[in-house]
PDB file of N, CA and C in Angstrom:
ATOM      1  N   UNK A   1       3.713   5.334  13.295  1.00  0.00           N
ATOM      2  CA  UNK A   1       4.495   4.109  13.410  1.00  0.00           C
ATOM      3  C   UNK A   1       5.323   3.924  12.143  1.00  0.00           C
ATOM      4  N   UNK A   2       6.571   3.587  12.317  1.00  0.00           N
ATOM      5  CA  UNK A   2       7.434   3.212  11.192  1.00  0.00           C
ATOM      6  C   UNK A   2       7.175   1.731  10.940  1.00  0.00           C
ATOM      7  N   UNK A   3       6.303   1.452  10.012  1.00  0.00           N
ATOM      8  CA  UNK A   3       5.778   0.093   9.822  1.00  0.00           C
ATOM      9  C   UNK A   3       6.862  -0.966   9.618  1.00  0.00           C
ATOM     10  N   UNK A   4       7.742  -0.858   8.614  1.00  0.00           N
ATOM     11  CA  UNK A   4       8.728  -1.938   8.435  1.00  0.00           C
ATOM     12  C   UNK A   4       9.623  -2.132   9.659  1.00  0.00           C
ATOM     13  N   UNK A   5      10.067  -1.044  10.263  1.00  0.00           N
ATOM     14  CA  UNK A   5      10.944  -1.146  11.433  1.00  0.00           C
ATOM     15  C   UNK A   5      10.212  -1.761  12.621  1.00  0.00           C
ATOM     16  N   UNK A   6       8.979  -1.363  12.848  1.00  0.00           N
ATOM     17  CA  UNK A   6       8.187  -1.917  13.948  1.00  0.00           C
ATOM     18  C   UNK A   6       7.940  -3.402  13.744  1.00  0.00           C
ATOM     19  N   UNK A   7       7.608  -3.793  12.515  1.00  0.00           N
ATOM     20  CA  UNK A   7       7.376  -5.206  12.215  1.00  0.00           C
ATOM     21  C   UNK A   7       8.649  -6.006  12.462  1.00  0.00           C
ATOM     22  N   UNK A   8       9.792  -5.538  11.981  1.00  0.00           N
ATOM     23  CA  UNK A   8      11.059  -6.248  12.206  1.00  0.00           C
ATOM     24  C   UNK A   8      11.347  -6.385  13.703  1.00  0.00           C
ATOM     25  N   UNK A   9      11.172  -5.303  14.442  1.00  0.00           N
ATOM     26  CA  UNK A   9      11.437  -5.317  15.880  1.00  0.00           C
ATOM     27  C   UNK A   9      10.546  -6.339  16.591  1.00  0.00           C
ATOM     28  N   UNK A  10       9.268  -6.346  16.238  1.00  0.00           N
ATOM     29  CA  UNK A  10       8.337  -7.284  16.869  1.00  0.00           C
ATOM     30  C   UNK A  10       8.656  -8.734  16.497  1.00  0.00           C
ATOM     31  N   UNK A  11       9.023  -8.986  15.241  1.00  0.00           N
ATOM     32  CA  UNK A  11       9.397 -10.349  14.855  1.00  0.00           C
ATOM     33  C   UNK A  11      10.659 -10.776  15.592  1.00  0.00           C
ATOM     34  N   UNK A  12      11.642  -9.897  15.659  1.00  0.00           N
ATOM     35  CA  UNK A  12      12.881 -10.237  16.360  1.00  0.00           C
ATOM     36  C   UNK A  12      12.633 -10.488  17.843  1.00  0.00           C
ATOM     37  N   UNK A  13      11.671  -9.772  18.427  1.00  0.00           N
ATOM     38  CA  UNK A  13      11.346  -9.942  19.839  1.00  0.00           C
ATOM     39  C   UNK A  13      10.252 -10.956  20.101  1.00  0.00           C
ATOM     40  N   UNK A  14       9.840 -11.677  19.070  1.00  0.00           N
ATOM     41  CA  UNK A  14       8.776 -12.683  19.167  1.00  0.00           C
ATOM     42  C   UNK A  14       7.491 -12.097  19.743  1.00  0.00           C
ATOM     43  N   UNK A  15       7.175 -10.882  19.330  1.00  0.00           N
ATOM     44  CA  UNK A  15       5.952 -10.191  19.726  1.00  0.00           C
ATOM     45  C   UNK A  15       5.011 -10.179  18.518  1.00  0.00           C
ATOM     46  N   UNK A  16       4.631 -11.376  18.060  1.00  0.00           N
ATOM     47  CA  UNK A  16       3.819 -11.529  16.856  1.00  0.00           C
ATOM     48  C   UNK A  16       2.643 -12.452  17.166  1.00  0.00           C
ATOM     49  N   UNK A  17       1.466 -12.051  16.713  1.00  0.00           N
ATOM     50  CA  UNK A  17       0.261 -12.860  16.869  1.00  0.00           C
ATOM     51  C   UNK A  17      -0.313 -13.111  15.477  1.00  0.00           C
ATOM     52  N   UNK A  18      -0.577 -14.370  15.141  1.00  0.00           N
ATOM     53  CA  UNK A  18      -1.186 -14.735  13.863  1.00  0.00           C
ATOM     54  C   UNK A  18      -2.684 -14.927  14.072  1.00  0.00           C
ATOM     55  N   UNK A  19      -3.495 -14.244  13.284  1.00  0.00           N
ATOM     56  CA  UNK A  19      -4.939 -14.447  13.354  1.00  0.00           C
ATOM     57  C   UNK A  19      -5.274 -15.850  12.844  1.00  0.00           C
ATOM     58  N   UNK A  20      -6.466 -16.330  13.180  1.00  0.00           N
ATOM     59  CA  UNK A  20      -6.917 -17.614  12.663  1.00  0.00           C
ATOM     60  C   UNK A  20      -6.971 -17.609  11.152  1.00  0.00           C
ATOM     61  N   UNK A  21      -7.388 -16.478  10.579  1.00  0.00           N
ATOM     62  CA  UNK A  21      -7.444 -16.349   9.114  1.00  0.00           C
ATOM     63  C   UNK A  21      -6.046 -16.500   8.518  1.00  0.00           C
ATOM     64  N   UNK A  22      -5.053 -15.843   9.126  1.00  0.00           N
ATOM     65  CA  UNK A  22      -3.678 -15.938   8.617  1.00  0.00           C
ATOM     66  C   UNK A  22      -3.198 -17.387   8.657  1.00  0.00           C
ATOM     67  N   UNK A  23      -3.471 -18.079   9.751  1.00  0.00           N
ATOM     68  CA  UNK A  23      -3.039 -19.479   9.873  1.00  0.00           C
ATOM     69  C   UNK A  23      -3.677 -20.354   8.798  1.00  0.00           C
ATOM     70  N   UNK A  24      -4.980 -20.141   8.535  1.00  0.00           N
ATOM     71  CA  UNK A  24      -5.650 -20.917   7.478  1.00  0.00           C
ATOM     72  C   UNK A  24      -5.031 -20.625   6.121  1.00  0.00           C
ATOM     73  N   UNK A  25      -4.817 -19.351   5.816  1.00  0.00           N
ATOM     74  CA  UNK A  25      -4.221 -18.974   4.530  1.00  0.00           C
ATOM     75  C   UNK A  25      -2.829 -19.584   4.381  1.00  0.00           C
ATOM     76  N   UNK A  26      -2.059 -19.603   5.448  1.00  0.00           N
ATOM     77  CA  UNK A  26      -0.716 -20.175   5.401  1.00  0.00           C
ATOM     78  C   UNK A  26      -0.766 -21.672   5.125  1.00  0.00           C
ATOM     79  N   UNK A  27      -1.680 -22.371   5.770  1.00  0.00           N
ATOM     80  CA  UNK A  27      -1.809 -23.823   5.579  1.00  0.00           C
ATOM     81  C   UNK A  27      -2.322 -24.164   4.189  1.00  0.00           C
ATOM     82  N   UNK A  28      -3.265 -23.352   3.680  1.00  0.00           N
ATOM     83  CA  UNK A  28      -3.973 -23.690   2.451  1.00  0.00           C
ATOM     84  C   UNK A  28      -3.460 -22.955   1.213  1.00  0.00           C
ATOM     85  N   UNK A  29      -2.330 -22.270   1.315  1.00  0.00           N
ATOM     86  CA  UNK A  29      -1.767 -21.541   0.175  1.00  0.00           C
ATOM     87  C   UNK A  29      -1.629 -22.494  -1.011  1.00  0.00           C
ATOM     88  N   UNK A  30      -2.213 -22.114  -2.158  1.00  0.00           N
ATOM     89  CA  UNK A  30      -2.235 -23.009  -3.315  1.00  0.00           C
ATOM     90  C   UNK A  30      -0.853 -23.306  -3.877  1.00  0.00           C
ATOM     91  N   UNK A  31       0.128 -22.446  -3.641  1.00  0.00           N
ATOM     92  CA  UNK A  31       1.485 -22.688  -4.135  1.00  0.00           C
ATOM     93  C   UNK A  31       2.349 -23.394  -3.100  1.00  0.00           C
ATOM     94  N   UNK A  32       1.721 -23.892  -2.057  1.00  0.00           N
ATOM     95  CA  UNK A  32       2.422 -24.625  -1.003  1.00  0.00           C
ATOM     96  C   UNK A  32       2.305 -23.898   0.316  1.00  0.00           C
ATOM     97  N   UNK A  33       2.212 -24.663   1.401  1.00  0.00           N
ATOM     98  CA  UNK A  33       2.069 -24.049   2.720  1.00  0.00           C
ATOM     99  C   UNK A  33       3.182 -23.036   3.011  1.00  0.00           C
ATOM    100  N   UNK A  34       2.842 -22.035   3.770  1.00  0.00           N
ATOM    101  CA  UNK A  34       3.783 -20.989   4.181  1.00  0.00           C
ATOM    102  C   UNK A  34       4.112 -21.235   5.648  1.00  0.00           C
ATOM    103  N   UNK A  35       5.390 -21.282   5.967  1.00  0.00           N
ATOM    104  CA  UNK A  35       5.818 -21.534   7.342  1.00  0.00           C
ATOM    105  C   UNK A  35       6.037 -20.230   8.101  1.00  0.00           C
ATOM    106  N   UNK A  36       6.051 -20.341   9.434  1.00  0.00           N
ATOM    107  CA  UNK A  36       6.364 -19.183  10.280  1.00  0.00           C
ATOM    108  C   UNK A  36       7.745 -18.632   9.922  1.00  0.00           C
ATOM    109  N   UNK A  37       8.678 -19.533   9.668  1.00  0.00           N
ATOM    110  CA  UNK A  37      10.047 -19.113   9.328  1.00  0.00           C
ATOM    111  C   UNK A  37      10.053 -18.266   8.047  1.00  0.00           C
ATOM    112  N   UNK A  38       9.281 -18.688   7.055  1.00  0.00           N
ATOM    113  CA  UNK A  38       9.219 -17.927   5.810  1.00  0.00           C
ATOM    114  C   UNK A  38       8.651 -16.527   6.046  1.00  0.00           C
ATOM    115  N   UNK A  39       7.607 -16.454   6.858  1.00  0.00           N
ATOM    116  CA  UNK A  39       7.011 -15.145   7.153  1.00  0.00           C
ATOM    117  C   UNK A  39       8.035 -14.279   7.874  1.00  0.00           C
ATOM    118  N   UNK A  40       8.706 -14.842   8.871  1.00  0.00           N
ATOM    119  CA  UNK A  40       9.711 -14.078   9.614  1.00  0.00           C
ATOM    120  C   UNK A  40      10.802 -13.569   8.672  1.00  0.00           C
ATOM    121  N   UNK A  41      11.348 -14.441   7.843  1.00  0.00           N
ATOM    122  CA  UNK A  41      12.395 -14.027   6.898  1.00  0.00           C
ATOM    123  C   UNK A  41      11.902 -12.922   5.965  1.00  0.00           C
ATOM    124  N   UNK A  42      10.687 -13.080   5.461  1.00  0.00           N
ATOM    125  CA  UNK A  42      10.142 -12.084   4.531  1.00  0.00           C
ATOM    126  C   UNK A  42       9.959 -10.737   5.215  1.00  0.00           C
ATOM    127  N   UNK A  43       9.567 -10.739   6.478  1.00  0.00           N
ATOM    128  CA  UNK A  43       9.298  -9.487   7.173  1.00  0.00           C
ATOM    129  C   UNK A  43      10.574  -8.769   7.626  1.00  0.00           C
ATOM    130  N   UNK A  44      11.723  -9.442   7.539  1.00  0.00           N
ATOM    131  CA  UNK A  44      12.984  -8.788   7.898  1.00  0.00           C
ATOM    132  C   UNK A  44      13.407  -7.760   6.853  1.00  0.00           C
ATOM    133  N   UNK A  45      12.937  -7.920   5.639  1.00  0.00           N
ATOM    134  CA  UNK A  45      13.299  -6.960   4.576  1.00  0.00           C
ATOM    135  C   UNK A  45      12.038  -6.513   3.846  1.00  0.00           C
ATOM    136  N   UNK A  46      11.066  -6.101   4.606  1.00  0.00           N
ATOM    137  CA  UNK A  46       9.752  -5.795   4.056  1.00  0.00           C
ATOM    138  C   UNK A  46       9.633  -4.370   3.528  1.00  0.00           C
ATOM    139  N   UNK A  47       8.684  -4.190   2.622  1.00  0.00           N
ATOM    140  CA  UNK A  47       8.345  -2.877   2.066  1.00  0.00           C
ATOM    141  C   UNK A  47       6.839  -2.695   2.159  1.00  0.00           C
ATOM    142  N   UNK A  48       6.408  -1.464   2.407  1.00  0.00           N
ATOM    143  CA  UNK A  48       4.980  -1.166   2.459  1.00  0.00           C
ATOM    144  C   UNK A  48       4.441  -1.075   1.035  1.00  0.00           C
ATOM    145  N   UNK A  49       3.383  -1.841   0.761  1.00  0.00           N
ATOM    146  CA  UNK A  49       2.728  -1.821  -0.547  1.00  0.00           C
ATOM    147  C   UNK A  49       1.513  -0.894  -0.486  1.00  0.00           C
ATOM    148  N   UNK A  50       0.692  -1.076   0.532  1.00  0.00           N
ATOM    149  CA  UNK A  50      -0.509  -0.257   0.732  1.00  0.00           C
ATOM    150  C   UNK A  50      -0.715  -0.055   2.230  1.00  0.00           C
ATOM    151  N   UNK A  51      -1.306   1.076   2.592  1.00  0.00           N
ATOM    152  CA  UNK A  51      -1.635   1.340   3.990  1.00  0.00           C
ATOM    153  C   UNK A  51      -3.147   1.450   4.136  1.00  0.00           C
ATOM    154  N   UNK A  52      -3.642   0.959   5.255  1.00  0.00           N
ATOM    155  CA  UNK A  52      -5.079   0.970   5.551  1.00  0.00           C
ATOM    156  C   UNK A  52      -5.300   1.645   6.906  1.00  0.00           C
ATOM    157  N   UNK A  53      -5.170   2.964   6.962  1.00  0.00           N
ATOM    158  CA  UNK A  53      -5.255   3.685   8.241  1.00  0.00           C
ATOM    159  C   UNK A  53      -6.632   3.630   8.898  1.00  0.00           C
ATOM    160  N   UNK A  54      -7.671   3.308   8.133  1.00  0.00           N
ATOM    161  CA  UNK A  54      -9.028   3.275   8.691  1.00  0.00           C
ATOM    162  C   UNK A  54      -9.415   1.903   9.232  1.00  0.00           C
ATOM    163  N   UNK A  55      -8.547   0.895   9.075  1.00  0.00           N
ATOM    164  CA  UNK A  55      -8.865  -0.439   9.591  1.00  0.00           C
ATOM    165  C   UNK A  55      -9.052  -0.389  11.108  1.00  0.00           C
ATOM    166  N   UNK A  56      -9.970  -1.213  11.593  1.00  0.00           N
ATOM    167  CA  UNK A  56     -10.194  -1.311  13.030  1.00  0.00           C
ATOM    168  C   UNK A  56     -10.085  -2.770  13.454  1.00  0.00           C
ATOM    169  N   UNK A  57      -9.667  -3.065  14.635  1.00  0.00           N
ATOM    170  CA  UNK A  57      -9.411  -2.122  15.717  1.00  0.00           C
ATOM    171  C   UNK A  57      -8.053  -1.433  15.625  1.00  0.00           C
ATOM    172  N   UNK A  58      -7.197  -1.840  14.666  1.00  0.00           N
ATOM    173  CA  UNK A  58      -5.887  -1.219  14.500  1.00  0.00           C
ATOM    174  C   UNK A  58      -5.654  -0.899  13.030  1.00  0.00           C
ATOM    175  N   UNK A  59      -5.044   0.240  12.735  1.00  0.00           N
ATOM    176  CA  UNK A  59      -4.639   0.498  11.351  1.00  0.00           C
ATOM    177  C   UNK A  59      -3.694  -0.615  10.893  1.00  0.00           C
ATOM    178  N   UNK A  60      -3.713  -0.905   9.599  1.00  0.00           N
ATOM    179  CA  UNK A  60      -2.873  -1.985   9.105  1.00  0.00           C
ATOM    180  C   UNK A  60      -2.203  -1.578   7.804  1.00  0.00           C
ATOM    181  N   UNK A  61      -1.362  -2.464   7.312  1.00  0.00           N
ATOM    182  CA  UNK A  61      -0.649  -2.222   6.056  1.00  0.00           C
ATOM    183  C   UNK A  61      -0.390  -3.549   5.370  1.00  0.00           C
ATOM    184  N   UNK A  62      -0.376  -3.507   4.042  1.00  0.00           N
ATOM    185  CA  UNK A  62       0.025  -4.653   3.232  1.00  0.00           C
ATOM    186  C   UNK A  62       1.524  -4.526   3.007  1.00  0.00           C
ATOM    187  N   UNK A  63       2.262  -5.558   3.403  1.00  0.00           N
ATOM    188  CA  UNK A  63       3.716  -5.546   3.287  1.00  0.00           C
ATOM    189  C   UNK A  63       4.166  -6.628   2.325  1.00  0.00           C
ATOM    190  N   UNK A  64       5.277  -6.364   1.651  1.00  0.00           N
ATOM    191  CA  UNK A  64       5.880  -7.325   0.733  1.00  0.00           C
ATOM    192  C   UNK A  64       7.289  -7.630   1.198  1.00  0.00           C
ATOM    193  N   UNK A  65       7.624  -8.911   1.178  1.00  0.00           N
ATOM    194  CA  UNK A  65       8.983  -9.346   1.465  1.00  0.00           C
ATOM    195  C   UNK A  65       9.220 -10.681   0.798  1.00  0.00           C
ATOM    196  N   UNK A  66      10.460 -11.141   0.822  1.00  0.00           N
ATOM    197  CA  UNK A  66      10.812 -12.430   0.222  1.00  0.00           C
ATOM    198  C   UNK A  66      11.472 -13.319   1.252  1.00  0.00           C
ATOM    199  N   UNK A  67      11.170 -14.600   1.153  1.00  0.00           N
ATOM    200  CA  UNK A  67      11.764 -15.592   2.034  1.00  0.00           C
ATOM    201  C   UNK A  67      12.579 -16.558   1.209  1.00  0.00           C
ATOM    202  N   UNK A  68      13.762 -16.878   1.673  1.00  0.00           N
ATOM    203  CA  UNK A  68      14.607 -17.833   0.964  1.00  0.00           C
ATOM    204  C   UNK A  68      14.471 -19.237   1.529  1.00  0.00           C
ATOM    205  N   UNK A  69      13.698 -19.398   2.585  1.00  0.00           N
ATOM    206  CA  UNK A  69      13.592 -20.697   3.270  1.00  0.00           C
ATOM    207  C   UNK A  69      13.062 -21.778   2.335  1.00  0.00           C
ATOM    208  N   UNK A  70      13.930 -22.707   1.978  1.00  0.00           N
ATOM    209  CA  UNK A  70      13.520 -23.845   1.163  1.00  0.00           C
ATOM    210  C   UNK A  70      13.185 -23.487  -0.270  1.00  0.00           C
ATOM    211  N   UNK A  71      13.585 -22.316  -0.708  1.00  0.00           N
ATOM    212  CA  UNK A  71      13.247 -21.872  -2.059  1.00  0.00           C
ATOM    213  C   UNK A  71      14.490 -21.365  -2.765  1.00  0.00           C
ATOM    214  N   UNK A  72      14.314 -20.861  -3.969  1.00  0.00           N
ATOM    215  CA  UNK A  72      15.444 -20.384  -4.754  1.00  0.00           C
ATOM    216  C   UNK A  72      16.123 -19.203  -4.073  1.00  0.00           C
ATOM    217  N   UNK A  73      17.309 -18.886  -4.520  1.00  0.00           N
ATOM    218  CA  UNK A  73      18.053 -17.760  -3.954  1.00  0.00           C
ATOM    219  C   UNK A  73      17.281 -16.459  -4.106  1.00  0.00           C
ATOM    220  N   UNK A  74      16.427 -16.363  -5.125  1.00  0.00           N
ATOM    221  CA  UNK A  74      15.637 -15.150  -5.331  1.00  0.00           C
ATOM    222  C   UNK A  74      14.586 -14.995  -4.241  1.00  0.00           C
ATOM    223  N   UNK A  75      14.214 -16.079  -3.597  1.00  0.00           N
ATOM    224  CA  UNK A  75      13.269 -16.021  -2.499  1.00  0.00           C
ATOM    225  C   UNK A  75      11.830 -16.174  -2.933  1.00  0.00           C
ATOM    226  N   UNK A  76      11.012 -16.587  -1.997  1.00  0.00           N
ATOM    227  CA  UNK A  76       9.571 -16.733  -2.226  1.00  0.00           C
ATOM    228  C   UNK A  76       8.909 -15.409  -1.879  1.00  0.00           C
ATOM    229  N   UNK A  77       8.191 -14.815  -2.820  1.00  0.00           N
ATOM    230  CA  UNK A  77       7.523 -13.546  -2.523  1.00  0.00           C
ATOM    231  C   UNK A  77       6.327 -13.781  -1.599  1.00  0.00           C
ATOM    232  N   UNK A  78       6.189 -12.934  -0.589  1.00  0.00           N
ATOM    233  CA  UNK A  78       5.060 -13.034   0.322  1.00  0.00           C
ATOM    234  C   UNK A  78       4.460 -11.668   0.578  1.00  0.00           C
ATOM    235  N   UNK A  79       3.148 -11.635   0.663  1.00  0.00           N
ATOM    236  CA  UNK A  79       2.414 -10.459   1.123  1.00  0.00           C
ATOM    237  C   UNK A  79       1.862 -10.797   2.500  1.00  0.00           C
ATOM    238  N   UNK A  80       1.901  -9.830   3.394  1.00  0.00           N
ATOM    239  CA  UNK A  80       1.299  -9.985   4.714  1.00  0.00           C
ATOM    240  C   UNK A  80       0.582  -8.690   5.062  1.00  0.00           C
ATOM    241  N   UNK A  81      -0.654  -8.810   5.518  1.00  0.00           N
ATOM    242  CA  UNK A  81      -1.350  -7.653   6.069  1.00  0.00           C
ATOM    243  C   UNK A  81      -1.084  -7.697   7.566  1.00  0.00           C
ATOM    244  N   UNK A  82      -0.469  -6.617   8.055  1.00  0.00           N
ATOM    245  CA  UNK A  82      -0.054  -6.536   9.452  1.00  0.00           C
ATOM    246  C   UNK A  82      -0.686  -5.327  10.125  1.00  0.00           C
ATOM    247  N   UNK A  83      -1.045  -5.501  11.375  1.00  0.00           N
ATOM    248  CA  UNK A  83      -1.541  -4.405  12.204  1.00  0.00           C
ATOM    249  C   UNK A  83      -0.650  -4.335  13.438  1.00  0.00           C
ATOM    250  N   UNK A  84      -0.607  -3.163  14.059  1.00  0.00           N
ATOM    251  CA  UNK A  84       0.216  -3.000  15.258  1.00  0.00           C
ATOM    252  C   UNK A  84      -0.659  -2.670  16.449  1.00  0.00           C
ATOM    253  N   UNK A  85      -0.560  -3.484  17.481  1.00  0.00           N
ATOM    254  CA  UNK A  85      -1.274  -3.287  18.738  1.00  0.00           C
ATOM    255  C   UNK A  85      -0.298  -2.614  19.704  1.00  0.00           C
ATOM    256  N   UNK A  86      -0.388  -1.294  19.809  1.00  0.00           N
ATOM    257  CA  UNK A  86       0.555  -0.532  20.634  1.00  0.00           C
ATOM    258  C   UNK A  86       0.428  -0.874  22.115  1.00  0.00           C
ATOM    259  N   UNK A  87      -0.796  -1.150  22.576  1.00  0.00           N
ATOM    260  CA  UNK A  87      -1.004  -1.456  23.996  1.00  0.00           C
ATOM    261  C   UNK A  87      -0.220  -2.699  24.422  1.00  0.00           C
ATOM    262  N   UNK A  88      -0.150  -3.700  23.557  1.00  0.00           N
ATOM    263  CA  UNK A  88       0.582  -4.929  23.858  1.00  0.00           C
ATOM    264  C   UNK A  88       1.927  -4.997  23.138  1.00  0.00           C
ATOM    265  N   UNK A  89       2.276  -3.948  22.407  1.00  0.00           N
ATOM    266  CA  UNK A  89       3.525  -3.888  21.637  1.00  0.00           C
ATOM    267  C   UNK A  89       3.734  -5.172  20.847  1.00  0.00           C
ATOM    268  N   UNK A  90       2.777  -5.451  19.969  1.00  0.00           N
ATOM    269  CA  UNK A  90       2.889  -6.651  19.142  1.00  0.00           C
ATOM    270  C   UNK A  90       2.316  -6.383  17.758  1.00  0.00           C
ATOM    271  N   UNK A  91       2.808  -7.155  16.802  1.00  0.00           N
ATOM    272  CA  UNK A  91       2.299  -7.114  15.438  1.00  0.00           C
ATOM    273  C   UNK A  91       1.277  -8.241  15.304  1.00  0.00           C
ATOM    274  N   UNK A  92       0.168  -7.917  14.686  1.00  0.00           N
ATOM    275  CA  UNK A  92      -0.867  -8.903  14.402  1.00  0.00           C
ATOM    276  C   UNK A  92      -0.822  -9.201  12.908  1.00  0.00           C
ATOM    277  N   UNK A  93      -0.620 -10.456  12.565  1.00  0.00           N
ATOM    278  CA  UNK A  93      -0.623 -10.868  11.171  1.00  0.00           C
ATOM    279  C   UNK A  93      -2.068 -11.216  10.823  1.00  0.00           C
ATOM    280  N   UNK A  94      -2.676 -10.393   9.985  1.00  0.00           N
ATOM    281  CA  UNK A  94      -4.080 -10.562   9.612  1.00  0.00           C
ATOM    282  C   UNK A  94      -4.221 -11.639   8.550  1.00  0.00           C
ATOM    283  N   UNK A  95      -3.345 -11.592   7.555  1.00  0.00           N
ATOM    284  CA  UNK A  95      -3.313 -12.614   6.514  1.00  0.00           C
ATOM    285  C   UNK A  95      -1.932 -12.658   5.885  1.00  0.00           C
ATOM    286  N   UNK A  96      -1.606 -13.788   5.285  1.00  0.00           N
ATOM    287  CA  UNK A  96      -0.339 -13.989   4.572  1.00  0.00           C
ATOM    288  C   UNK A  96      -0.641 -14.825   3.343  1.00  0.00           C
ATOM    289  N   UNK A  97      -0.038 -14.444   2.221  1.00  0.00           N
ATOM    290  CA  UNK A  97      -0.231 -15.234   1.000  1.00  0.00           C
ATOM    291  C   UNK A  97       0.906 -14.959   0.031  1.00  0.00           C
ATOM    292  N   UNK A  98       1.045 -15.859  -0.942  1.00  0.00           N
ATOM    293  CA  UNK A  98       1.998 -15.647  -2.032  1.00  0.00           C
ATOM    294  C   UNK A  98       1.239 -14.946  -3.151  1.00  0.00           C
ATOM    295  N   UNK A  99       1.623 -13.715  -3.478  1.00  0.00           N
ATOM    296  CA  UNK A  99       0.860 -12.962  -4.477  1.00  0.00           C
ATOM    297  C   UNK A  99       0.969 -13.549  -5.875  1.00  0.00           C
ATOM    298  N   UNK A 100      -0.126 -13.443  -6.619  1.00  0.00           N
ATOM    299  CA  UNK A 100      -0.198 -13.915  -7.996  1.00  0.00           C
ATOM    300  C   UNK A 100       0.485 -12.879  -8.893  1.00  0.00           C
ATOM    301  N   UNK A 101       1.583 -13.237  -9.579  1.00  0.00           N
ATOM    302  CA  UNK A 101       2.287 -12.257 -10.429  1.00  0.00           C
ATOM    303  C   UNK A 101       1.411 -11.713 -11.554  1.00  0.00           C
ATOM    304  N   UNK A 102       0.339 -12.413 -11.911  1.00  0.00           N
ATOM    305  CA  UNK A 102      -0.563 -11.906 -12.942  1.00  0.00           C
ATOM    306  C   UNK A 102      -1.377 -10.719 -12.429  1.00  0.00           C
ATOM    307  N   UNK A 103      -1.449 -10.558 -11.118  1.00  0.00           N
ATOM    308  CA  UNK A 103      -2.243  -9.477 -10.518  1.00  0.00           C
ATOM    309  C   UNK A 103      -1.391  -8.351  -9.953  1.00  0.00           C
ATOM    310  N   UNK A 104      -0.063  -8.543  -9.911  1.00  0.00           N
ATOM    311  CA  UNK A 104       0.827  -7.563  -9.282  1.00  0.00           C
ATOM    312  C   UNK A 104       2.013  -7.249 -10.178  1.00  0.00           C
ATOM    313  N   UNK A 105       2.403  -5.993 -10.227  1.00  0.00           N
ATOM    314  CA  UNK A 105       3.639  -5.571 -10.899  1.00  0.00           C
ATOM    315  C   UNK A 105       4.733  -5.597  -9.849  1.00  0.00           C
ATOM    316  N   UNK A 106       5.734  -6.454 -10.047  1.00  0.00           N
ATOM    317  CA  UNK A 106       6.839  -6.602  -9.109  1.00  0.00           C
ATOM    318  C   UNK A 106       6.363  -6.829  -7.678  1.00  0.00           C
ATOM    319  N   UNK A 107       5.185  -7.375  -7.529  1.00  0.00           N
ATOM    320  CA  UNK A 107       4.571  -7.684  -6.239  1.00  0.00           C
ATOM    321  C   UNK A 107       4.300  -6.446  -5.386  1.00  0.00           C
ATOM    322  N   UNK A 108       4.447  -5.263  -5.972  1.00  0.00           N
ATOM    323  CA  UNK A 108       4.332  -4.033  -5.210  1.00  0.00           C
ATOM    324  C   UNK A 108       3.191  -3.111  -5.657  1.00  0.00           C
ATOM    325  N   UNK A 109       2.648  -3.378  -6.832  1.00  0.00           N
ATOM    326  CA  UNK A 109       1.551  -2.525  -7.344  1.00  0.00           C
ATOM    327  C   UNK A 109       0.554  -3.394  -8.079  1.00  0.00           C
ATOM    328  N   UNK A 110      -0.709  -3.166  -7.756  1.00  0.00           N
ATOM    329  CA  UNK A 110      -1.789  -3.954  -8.397  1.00  0.00           C
ATOM    330  C   UNK A 110      -1.848  -3.624  -9.876  1.00  0.00           C
ATOM    331  N   UNK A 111      -2.044  -4.656 -10.696  1.00  0.00           N
ATOM    332  CA  UNK A 111      -2.217  -4.445 -12.129  1.00  0.00           C
ATOM    333  C   UNK A 111      -3.663  -4.074 -12.405  1.00  0.00           C
ATOM    334  N   UNK A 112      -3.836  -3.292 -13.440  1.00  0.00           N
ATOM    335  CA  UNK A 112      -5.189  -2.962 -13.907  1.00  0.00           C
ATOM    336  C   UNK A 112      -5.850  -2.007 -13.066  1.00  0.00           C
TER     337      UNK A 112
END
């Protein structure tokens, strides 16, 4: 699977399912709630940070993107762990959060 392209296609086609965990993380994000619109915008220009091919029931990946919705022109950085359900042709959002810059280099590589 071409992860960024598949994620963009599924978001554009509204073939996205948010897990209960993702919804809680979005509501309770300490830097402010994350909206569906922000996640969609961030996933339109996403990059793969890490891949988790052994995840079940679907392999997943940690993706990084930025959303400009209601934020500075530089955009709000977001990480999303996404899995692809080929049988239903949909992306499953496992979790979404705003990464802590103290723990990430350019939001793309873990520090330490």
